[in-house]
Amino acid sequence: MWEFSLHATRQAIARGVQSAEVAEAIQAGEVVENYPNDKYGPTCLVSGWTAAGRALHIQCSHPSRPLVKIVTLYEPDPAEWDETLRHRK
């Protein structure tokens, strides 16, 4: 299970991302970057797709925790990521 930080909640509302889309992207996604020294504890970036084909990047605490915290989420910018949206240019 997971919870949204206040920042992630605000980002989801501003970007029109539904919680079901976050679940789909996480379940279909993969960890593409790790941030072991993040200021609030280790986090990672998950790249995934929703059932409707929307690409999402979701930064969250490591899945080793019983409750995963969603830190932020966004649609990746193709100018910054390769065509798979898994590797920075």
PDB file of N, CA and C in Angstrom:
ATOM      1  N   MET A   1       0.835  -1.179   0.000  1.00  0.00           N
ATOM      2  CA  MET A   1       0.000   0.000   0.000  1.00  0.00           C
ATOM      3  C   MET A   1       0.879   1.241   0.000  1.00  0.00           C
ATOM      4  N   TRP A   2       0.284   2.375  -0.335  1.00  0.00           N
ATOM      5  CA  TRP A   2       1.041   3.615  -0.358  1.00  0.00           C
ATOM      6  C   TRP A   2       0.188   4.773   0.123  1.00  0.00           C
ATOM      7  N   GLU A   3       0.905   5.860   0.414  1.00  0.00           N
ATOM      8  CA  GLU A   3       0.254   7.108   0.777  1.00  0.00           C
ATOM      9  C   GLU A   3       0.895   8.222  -0.027  1.00  0.00           C
ATOM     10  N   PHE A   4       0.153   9.278  -0.247  1.00  0.00           N
ATOM     11  CA  PHE A   4       0.641  10.426  -0.990  1.00  0.00           C
ATOM     12  C   PHE A   4       1.121  11.496  -0.020  1.00  0.00           C
ATOM     13  N   SER A   5       2.280  12.075  -0.309  1.00  0.00           N
ATOM     14  CA  SER A   5       2.703  13.259   0.439  1.00  0.00           C
ATOM     15  C   SER A   5       1.786  14.410   0.025  1.00  0.00           C
ATOM     16  N   LEU A   6       1.789  15.469   0.802  1.00  0.00           N
ATOM     17  CA  LEU A   6       0.993  16.638   0.444  1.00  0.00           C
ATOM     18  C   LEU A   6       1.423  17.169  -0.919  1.00  0.00           C
ATOM     19  N   HIS A   7       2.722  17.207  -1.158  1.00  0.00           N
ATOM     20  CA  HIS A   7       3.239  17.679  -2.447  1.00  0.00           C
ATOM     21  C   HIS A   7       2.720  16.798  -3.585  1.00  0.00           C
ATOM     22  N   ALA A   8       2.786  15.477  -3.428  1.00  0.00           N
ATOM     23  CA  ALA A   8       2.314  14.566  -4.473  1.00  0.00           C
ATOM     24  C   ALA A   8       0.821  14.732  -4.717  1.00  0.00           C
ATOM     25  N   THR A   9       0.063  14.945  -3.654  1.00  0.00           N
ATOM     26  CA  THR A   9      -1.376  15.169  -3.796  1.00  0.00           C
ATOM     27  C   THR A   9      -1.637  16.423  -4.618  1.00  0.00           C
ATOM     28  N   ARG A  10      -0.920  17.478  -4.309  1.00  0.00           N
ATOM     29  CA  ARG A  10      -1.073  18.736  -5.063  1.00  0.00           C
ATOM     30  C   ARG A  10      -0.676  18.559  -6.525  1.00  0.00           C
ATOM     31  N   GLN A  11       0.425  17.837  -6.761  1.00  0.00           N
ATOM     32  CA  GLN A  11       0.873  17.604  -8.130  1.00  0.00           C
ATOM     33  C   GLN A  11      -0.147  16.768  -8.909  1.00  0.00           C
ATOM     34  N   ALA A  12      -0.707  15.762  -8.271  1.00  0.00           N
ATOM     35  CA  ALA A  12      -1.704  14.912  -8.932  1.00  0.00           C
ATOM     36  C   ALA A  12      -2.931  15.734  -9.320  1.00  0.00           C
ATOM     37  N   ILE A  13      -3.395  16.589  -8.419  1.00  0.00           N
ATOM     38  CA  ILE A  13      -4.556  17.428  -8.711  1.00  0.00           C
ATOM     39  C   ILE A  13      -4.242  18.395  -9.845  1.00  0.00           C
ATOM     40  N   ALA A  14      -3.102  19.056  -9.758  1.00  0.00           N
ATOM     41  CA  ALA A  14      -2.718  20.042 -10.769  1.00  0.00           C
ATOM     42  C   ALA A  14      -2.545  19.418 -12.146  1.00  0.00           C
ATOM     43  N   ARG A  15      -2.095  18.170 -12.190  1.00  0.00           N
ATOM     44  CA  ARG A  15      -1.812  17.502 -13.461  1.00  0.00           C
ATOM     45  C   ARG A  15      -2.928  16.560 -13.900  1.00  0.00           C
ATOM     46  N   GLY A  16      -3.983  16.513 -13.120  1.00  0.00           N
ATOM     47  CA  GLY A  16      -5.124  15.675 -13.487  1.00  0.00           C
ATOM     48  C   GLY A  16      -4.817  14.187 -13.480  1.00  0.00           C
ATOM     49  N   VAL A  17      -3.996  13.771 -12.529  1.00  0.00           N
ATOM     50  CA  VAL A  17      -3.623  12.359 -12.415  1.00  0.00           C
ATOM     51  C   VAL A  17      -4.485  11.714 -11.331  1.00  0.00           C
ATOM     52  N   GLN A  18      -5.195  10.669 -11.705  1.00  0.00           N
ATOM     53  CA  GLN A  18      -6.051   9.945 -10.765  1.00  0.00           C
ATOM     54  C   GLN A  18      -5.228   8.922  -9.983  1.00  0.00           C
ATOM     55  N   SER A  19      -5.661   8.602  -8.777  1.00  0.00           N
ATOM     56  CA  SER A  19      -4.934   7.616  -7.970  1.00  0.00           C
ATOM     57  C   SER A  19      -4.912   6.251  -8.656  1.00  0.00           C
ATOM     58  N   ALA A  20      -5.954   5.916  -9.409  1.00  0.00           N
ATOM     59  CA  ALA A  20      -5.963   4.642 -10.148  1.00  0.00           C
ATOM     60  C   ALA A  20      -4.856   4.619 -11.200  1.00  0.00           C
ATOM     61  N   GLU A  21      -4.572   5.767 -11.805  1.00  0.00           N
ATOM     62  CA  GLU A  21      -3.492   5.844 -12.791  1.00  0.00           C
ATOM     63  C   GLU A  21      -2.134   5.631 -12.122  1.00  0.00           C
ATOM     64  N   VAL A  22      -1.974   6.181 -10.936  1.00  0.00           N
ATOM     65  CA  VAL A  22      -0.735   5.981 -10.188  1.00  0.00           C
ATOM     66  C   VAL A  22      -0.548   4.494  -9.904  1.00  0.00           C
ATOM     67  N   ALA A  23      -1.610   3.833  -9.465  1.00  0.00           N
ATOM     68  CA  ALA A  23      -1.541   2.395  -9.183  1.00  0.00           C
ATOM     69  C   ALA A  23      -1.171   1.614 -10.437  1.00  0.00           C
ATOM     70  N   GLU A  24      -1.790   1.931 -11.559  1.00  0.00           N
ATOM     71  CA  GLU A  24      -1.486   1.243 -12.820  1.00  0.00           C
ATOM     72  C   GLU A  24      -0.028   1.436 -13.213  1.00  0.00           C
ATOM     73  N   ALA A  25       0.453   2.678 -13.118  1.00  0.00           N
ATOM     74  CA  ALA A  25       1.827   2.976 -13.519  1.00  0.00           C
ATOM     75  C   ALA A  25       2.843   2.284 -12.619  1.00  0.00           C
ATOM     76  N   ILE A  26       2.565   2.252 -11.325  1.00  0.00           N
ATOM     77  CA  ILE A  26       3.484   1.582 -10.404  1.00  0.00           C
ATOM     78  C   ILE A  26       3.493   0.077 -10.659  1.00  0.00           C
ATOM     79  N   GLN A  27       2.324  -0.513 -10.833  1.00  0.00           N
ATOM     80  CA  GLN A  27       2.242  -1.956 -11.043  1.00  0.00           C
ATOM     81  C   GLN A  27       2.890  -2.382 -12.351  1.00  0.00           C
ATOM     82  N   ALA A  28       2.787  -1.541 -13.379  1.00  0.00           N
ATOM     83  CA  ALA A  28       3.367  -1.873 -14.679  1.00  0.00           C
ATOM     84  C   ALA A  28       4.781  -1.326 -14.839  1.00  0.00           C
ATOM     85  N   GLY A  29       5.225  -0.539 -13.862  1.00  0.00           N
ATOM     86  CA  GLY A  29       6.480   0.181 -14.021  1.00  0.00           C
ATOM     87  C   GLY A  29       7.705  -0.530 -13.497  1.00  0.00           C
ATOM     88  N   GLU A  30       8.797   0.196 -13.603  1.00  0.00           N
ATOM     89  CA  GLU A  30      10.077  -0.298 -13.088  1.00  0.00           C
ATOM     90  C   GLU A  30      10.876   0.857 -12.515  1.00  0.00           C
ATOM     91  N   VAL A  31      11.726   0.533 -11.570  1.00  0.00           N
ATOM     92  CA  VAL A  31      12.606   1.539 -10.975  1.00  0.00           C
ATOM     93  C   VAL A  31      13.682   1.890 -12.002  1.00  0.00           C
ATOM     94  N   VAL A  32      13.780   3.184 -12.324  1.00  0.00           N
ATOM     95  CA  VAL A  32      14.762   3.619 -13.313  1.00  0.00           C
ATOM     96  C   VAL A  32      15.890   4.454 -12.704  1.00  0.00           C
ATOM     97  N   GLU A  33      15.678   4.984 -11.509  1.00  0.00           N
ATOM     98  CA  GLU A  33      16.727   5.711 -10.804  1.00  0.00           C
ATOM     99  C   GLU A  33      16.544   5.490  -9.308  1.00  0.00           C
ATOM    100  N   ASN A  34      17.657   5.475  -8.600  1.00  0.00           N
ATOM    101  CA  ASN A  34      17.648   5.358  -7.148  1.00  0.00           C
ATOM    102  C   ASN A  34      18.283   6.602  -6.553  1.00  0.00           C
ATOM    103  N   TYR A  35      17.714   7.074  -5.458  1.00  0.00           N
ATOM    104  CA  TYR A  35      18.228   8.240  -4.756  1.00  0.00           C
ATOM    105  C   TYR A  35      18.472   7.840  -3.295  1.00  0.00           C
ATOM    106  N   PRO A  36      19.569   7.131  -3.032  1.00  0.00           N
ATOM    107  CA  PRO A  36      19.815   6.607  -1.679  1.00  0.00           C
ATOM    108  C   PRO A  36      20.042   7.690  -0.634  1.00  0.00           C
ATOM    109  N   ASN A  37      20.433   8.877  -1.058  1.00  0.00           N
ATOM    110  CA  ASN A  37      20.739   9.951  -0.103  1.00  0.00           C
ATOM    111  C   ASN A  37      19.715  11.072  -0.133  1.00  0.00           C
ATOM    112  N   ASP A  38      18.500  10.777  -0.548  1.00  0.00           N
ATOM    113  CA  ASP A  38      17.457  11.795  -0.580  1.00  0.00           C
ATOM    114  C   ASP A  38      17.253  12.351   0.832  1.00  0.00           C
ATOM    115  N   LYS A  39      16.850  13.610   0.948  1.00  0.00           N
ATOM    116  CA  LYS A  39      16.831  14.275   2.258  1.00  0.00           C
ATOM    117  C   LYS A  39      15.871  13.657   3.271  1.00  0.00           C
ATOM    118  N   TYR A  40      14.817  12.973   2.821  1.00  0.00           N
ATOM    119  CA  TYR A  40      13.885  12.360   3.772  1.00  0.00           C
ATOM    120  C   TYR A  40      14.040  10.844   3.856  1.00  0.00           C
ATOM    121  N   GLY A  41      15.110  10.338   3.288  1.00  0.00           N
ATOM    122  CA  GLY A  41      15.335   8.892   3.272  1.00  0.00           C
ATOM    123  C   GLY A  41      15.396   8.398   1.838  1.00  0.00           C
ATOM    124  N   PRO A  42      15.889   7.202   1.635  1.00  0.00           N
ATOM    125  CA  PRO A  42      16.064   6.674   0.287  1.00  0.00           C
ATOM    126  C   PRO A  42      14.755   6.639  -0.516  1.00  0.00           C
ATOM    127  N   THR A  43      14.842   7.117  -1.761  1.00  0.00           N
ATOM    128  CA  THR A  43      13.702   7.065  -2.667  1.00  0.00           C
ATOM    129  C   THR A  43      14.160   6.520  -4.011  1.00  0.00           C
ATOM    130  N   CYS A  44      13.178   6.287  -4.866  1.00  0.00           N
ATOM    131  CA  CYS A  44      13.483   5.822  -6.217  1.00  0.00           C
ATOM    132  C   CYS A  44      12.482   6.437  -7.181  1.00  0.00           C
ATOM    133  N   LEU A  45      12.807   6.385  -8.464  1.00  0.00           N
ATOM    134  CA  LEU A  45      11.932   6.886  -9.508  1.00  0.00           C
ATOM    135  C   LEU A  45      11.401   5.704 -10.285  1.00  0.00           C
ATOM    136  N   VAL A  46      10.085   5.582 -10.335  1.00  0.00           N
ATOM    137  CA  VAL A  46       9.427   4.513 -11.084  1.00  0.00           C
ATOM    138  C   VAL A  46       8.893   5.109 -12.374  1.00  0.00           C
ATOM    139  N   SER A  47       9.193   4.453 -13.481  1.00  0.00           N
ATOM    140  CA  SER A  47       8.659   4.835 -14.781  1.00  0.00           C
ATOM    141  C   SER A  47       7.635   3.791 -15.176  1.00  0.00           C
ATOM    142  N   GLY A  48       6.423   4.238 -15.462  1.00  0.00           N
ATOM    143  CA  GLY A  48       5.377   3.290 -15.825  1.00  0.00           C
ATOM    144  C   GLY A  48       4.321   3.918 -16.708  1.00  0.00           C
ATOM    145  N   TRP A  49       3.434   3.072 -17.191  1.00  0.00           N
ATOM    146  CA  TRP A  49       2.366   3.493 -18.092  1.00  0.00           C
ATOM    147  C   TRP A  49       1.020   3.108 -17.498  1.00  0.00           C
ATOM    148  N   THR A  50       0.041   3.946 -17.707  1.00  0.00           N
ATOM    149  CA  THR A  50      -1.315   3.626 -17.280  1.00  0.00           C
ATOM    150  C   THR A  50      -1.966   2.722 -18.328  1.00  0.00           C
ATOM    151  N   ALA A  51      -3.116   2.167 -17.990  1.00  0.00           N
ATOM    152  CA  ALA A  51      -3.847   1.320 -18.932  1.00  0.00           C
ATOM    153  C   ALA A  51      -4.246   2.106 -20.177  1.00  0.00           C
ATOM    154  N   ALA A  52      -4.432   3.408 -20.039  1.00  0.00           N
ATOM    155  CA  ALA A  52      -4.804   4.258 -21.171  1.00  0.00           C
ATOM    156  C   ALA A  52      -3.592   4.730 -21.976  1.00  0.00           C
ATOM    157  N   GLY A  53      -2.385   4.321 -21.563  1.00  0.00           N
ATOM    158  CA  GLY A  53      -1.178   4.687 -22.302  1.00  0.00           C
ATOM    159  C   GLY A  53      -0.528   5.987 -21.876  1.00  0.00           C
ATOM    160  N   ARG A  54      -0.859   6.486 -20.727  1.00  0.00           N
ATOM    161  CA  ARG A  54      -0.244   7.705 -20.201  1.00  0.00           C
ATOM    162  C   ARG A  54       1.032   7.344 -19.462  1.00  0.00           C
ATOM    163  N   ALA A  55       2.133   7.976 -19.828  1.00  0.00           N
ATOM    164  CA  ALA A  55       3.412   7.746 -19.163  1.00  0.00           C
ATOM    165  C   ALA A  55       3.471   8.575 -17.885  1.00  0.00           C
ATOM    166  N   LEU A  56       3.923   7.953 -16.799  1.00  0.00           N
ATOM    167  CA  LEU A  56       4.097   8.662 -15.537  1.00  0.00           C
ATOM    168  C   LEU A  56       5.434   8.300 -14.916  1.00  0.00           C
ATOM    169  N   HIS A  57       6.031   9.283 -14.279  1.00  0.00           N
ATOM    170  CA  HIS A  57       7.183   9.067 -13.415  1.00  0.00           C
ATOM    171  C   HIS A  57       6.709   9.349 -12.007  1.00  0.00           C
ATOM    172  N   ILE A  58       7.026   8.433 -11.104  1.00  0.00           N
ATOM    173  CA  ILE A  58       6.577   8.533  -9.727  1.00  0.00           C
ATOM    174  C   ILE A  58       7.777   8.358  -8.815  1.00  0.00           C
ATOM    175  N   GLN A  59       8.101   9.389  -8.058  1.00  0.00           N
ATOM    176  CA  GLN A  59       9.175   9.279  -7.079  1.00  0.00           C
ATOM    177  C   GLN A  59       8.554   8.843  -5.765  1.00  0.00           C
ATOM    178  N   CYS A  60       9.102   7.786  -5.184  1.00  0.00           N
ATOM    179  CA  CYS A  60       8.526   7.240  -3.954  1.00  0.00           C
ATOM    180  C   CYS A  60       9.615   6.642  -3.079  1.00  0.00           C
ATOM    181  N   SER A  61       9.235   6.377  -1.835  1.00  0.00           N
ATOM    182  CA  SER A  61      10.161   5.680  -0.948  1.00  0.00           C
ATOM    183  C   SER A  61      10.364   4.270  -1.493  1.00  0.00           C
ATOM    184  N   HIS A  62      11.435   3.636  -1.053  1.00  0.00           N
ATOM    185  CA  HIS A  62      11.721   2.292  -1.556  1.00  0.00           C
ATOM    186  C   HIS A  62      10.625   1.308  -1.171  1.00  0.00           C
ATOM    187  N   PRO A  63      10.287   0.395  -2.077  1.00  0.00           N
ATOM    188  CA  PRO A  63       9.211  -0.556  -1.797  1.00  0.00           C
ATOM    189  C   PRO A  63       9.500  -1.530  -0.663  1.00  0.00           C
ATOM    190  N   SER A  64      10.686  -1.472  -0.090  1.00  0.00           N
ATOM    191  CA  SER A  64      10.999  -2.349   1.043  1.00  0.00           C
ATOM    192  C   SER A  64      10.241  -1.924   2.298  1.00  0.00           C
ATOM    193  N   ARG A  65       9.776  -0.689   2.346  1.00  0.00           N
ATOM    194  CA  ARG A  65       8.977  -0.207   3.478  1.00  0.00           C
ATOM    195  C   ARG A  65       7.564  -0.765   3.396  1.00  0.00           C
ATOM    196  N   PRO A  66       6.930  -1.010   4.537  1.00  0.00           N
ATOM    197  CA  PRO A  66       5.561  -1.542   4.512  1.00  0.00           C
ATOM    198  C   PRO A  66       4.562  -0.571   3.864  1.00  0.00           C
ATOM    199  N   LEU A  67       4.792   0.736   4.039  1.00  0.00           N
ATOM    200  CA  LEU A  67       3.936   1.748   3.456  1.00  0.00           C
ATOM    201  C   LEU A  67       4.801   2.639   2.572  1.00  0.00           C
ATOM    202  N   VAL A  68       4.606   2.559   1.282  1.00  0.00           N
ATOM    203  CA  VAL A  68       5.387   3.341   0.326  1.00  0.00           C
ATOM    204  C   VAL A  68       4.795   4.744   0.266  1.00  0.00           C
ATOM    205  N   LYS A  69       5.663   5.743   0.357  1.00  0.00           N
ATOM    206  CA  LYS A  69       5.217   7.136   0.292  1.00  0.00           C
ATOM    207  C   LYS A  69       5.501   7.688  -1.098  1.00  0.00           C
ATOM    208  N   ILE A  70       4.474   8.188  -1.763  1.00  0.00           N
ATOM    209  CA  ILE A  70       4.624   8.853  -3.053  1.00  0.00           C
ATOM    210  C   ILE A  70       5.077  10.277  -2.755  1.00  0.00           C
ATOM    211  N   VAL A  71       6.262  10.640  -3.257  1.00  0.00           N
ATOM    212  CA  VAL A  71       6.840  11.953  -2.994  1.00  0.00           C
ATOM    213  C   VAL A  71       6.360  12.965  -4.023  1.00  0.00           C
ATOM    214  N   THR A  72       6.420  12.595  -5.306  1.00  0.00           N
ATOM    215  CA  THR A  72       5.954  13.460  -6.392  1.00  0.00           C
ATOM    216  C   THR A  72       5.653  12.591  -7.595  1.00  0.00           C
ATOM    217  N   LEU A  73       4.989  13.180  -8.564  1.00  0.00           N
ATOM    218  CA  LEU A  73       4.689  12.458  -9.807  1.00  0.00           C
ATOM    219  C   LEU A  73       4.522  13.464 -10.929  1.00  0.00           C
ATOM    220  N   TYR A  74       4.814  13.013 -12.140  1.00  0.00           N
ATOM    221  CA  TYR A  74       4.720  13.902 -13.304  1.00  0.00           C
ATOM    222  C   TYR A  74       4.742  13.068 -14.571  1.00  0.00           C
ATOM    223  N   GLU A  75       4.350  13.693 -15.677  1.00  0.00           N
ATOM    224  CA  GLU A  75       4.505  13.087 -16.990  1.00  0.00           C
ATOM    225  C   GLU A  75       5.904  13.461 -17.479  1.00  0.00           C
ATOM    226  N   PRO A  76       6.729  12.480 -17.816  1.00  0.00           N
ATOM    227  CA  PRO A  76       8.105  12.794 -18.212  1.00  0.00           C
ATOM    228  C   PRO A  76       8.157  13.604 -19.500  1.00  0.00           C
ATOM    229  N   ASP A  77       9.100  14.522 -19.554  1.00  0.00           N
ATOM    230  CA  ASP A  77       9.314  15.380 -20.717  1.00  0.00           C
ATOM    231  C   ASP A  77      10.180  14.629 -21.727  1.00  0.00           C
ATOM    232  N   PRO A  78       9.667  14.366 -22.940  1.00  0.00           N
ATOM    233  CA  PRO A  78      10.452  13.640 -23.949  1.00  0.00           C
ATOM    234  C   PRO A  78      11.757  14.341 -24.324  1.00  0.00           C
ATOM    235  N   ALA A  79      11.855  15.641 -24.071  1.00  0.00           N
ATOM    236  CA  ALA A  79      13.101  16.359 -24.353  1.00  0.00           C
ATOM    237  C   ALA A  79      14.194  15.981 -23.354  1.00  0.00           C
ATOM    238  N   GLU A  80      13.799  15.468 -22.182  1.00  0.00           N
ATOM    239  CA  GLU A  80      14.760  15.111 -21.142  1.00  0.00           C
ATOM    240  C   GLU A  80      15.031  13.613 -21.045  1.00  0.00           C
ATOM    241  N   TRP A  81      14.164  12.799 -21.672  1.00  0.00           N
ATOM    242  CA  TRP A  81      14.244  11.342 -21.545  1.00  0.00           C
ATOM    243  C   TRP A  81      14.307  10.691 -22.911  1.00  0.00           C
ATOM    244  N   ASP A  82      14.937   9.513 -22.985  1.00  0.00           N
ATOM    245  CA  ASP A  82      14.963   8.782 -24.255  1.00  0.00           C
ATOM    246  C   ASP A  82      13.562   8.281 -24.596  1.00  0.00           C
ATOM    247  N   GLU A  83      13.425   7.603 -25.728  1.00  0.00           N
ATOM    248  CA  GLU A  83      12.107   7.171 -26.193  1.00  0.00           C
ATOM    249  C   GLU A  83      11.422   6.167 -25.260  1.00  0.00           C
ATOM    250  N   THR A  84      12.192   5.469 -24.420  1.00  0.00           N
ATOM    251  CA  THR A  84      11.584   4.541 -23.476  1.00  0.00           C
ATOM    252  C   THR A  84      11.142   5.231 -22.190  1.00  0.00           C
ATOM    253  N   LEU A  85      11.568   6.475 -22.014  1.00  0.00           N
ATOM    254  CA  LEU A  85      11.311   7.280 -20.812  1.00  0.00           C
ATOM    255  C   LEU A  85      11.939   6.666 -19.564  1.00  0.00           C
ATOM    256  N   ARG A  86      13.009   5.886 -19.776  1.00  0.00           N
ATOM    257  CA  ARG A  86      13.707   5.247 -18.664  1.00  0.00           C
ATOM    258  C   ARG A  86      15.120   5.761 -18.455  1.00  0.00           C
ATOM    259  N   HIS A  87      15.644   6.485 -19.443  1.00  0.00           N
ATOM    260  CA  HIS A  87      17.029   6.963 -19.353  1.00  0.00           C
ATOM    261  C   HIS A  87      17.067   8.450 -19.718  1.00  0.00           C
ATOM    262  N   ARG A  88      17.739   9.207 -18.872  1.00  0.00           N
ATOM    263  CA  ARG A  88      17.894  10.631 -19.163  1.00  0.00           C
ATOM    264  C   ARG A  88      18.798  10.813 -20.378  1.00  0.00           C
ATOM    265  N   LYS A  89      18.502  11.836 -21.144  1.00  0.00           N
ATOM    266  CA  LYS A  89      19.332  12.156 -22.327  1.00  0.00           C
ATOM    267  C   LYS A  89      20.619  12.814 -21.890  1.00  0.00           C
TER     268      LYS A  89
END
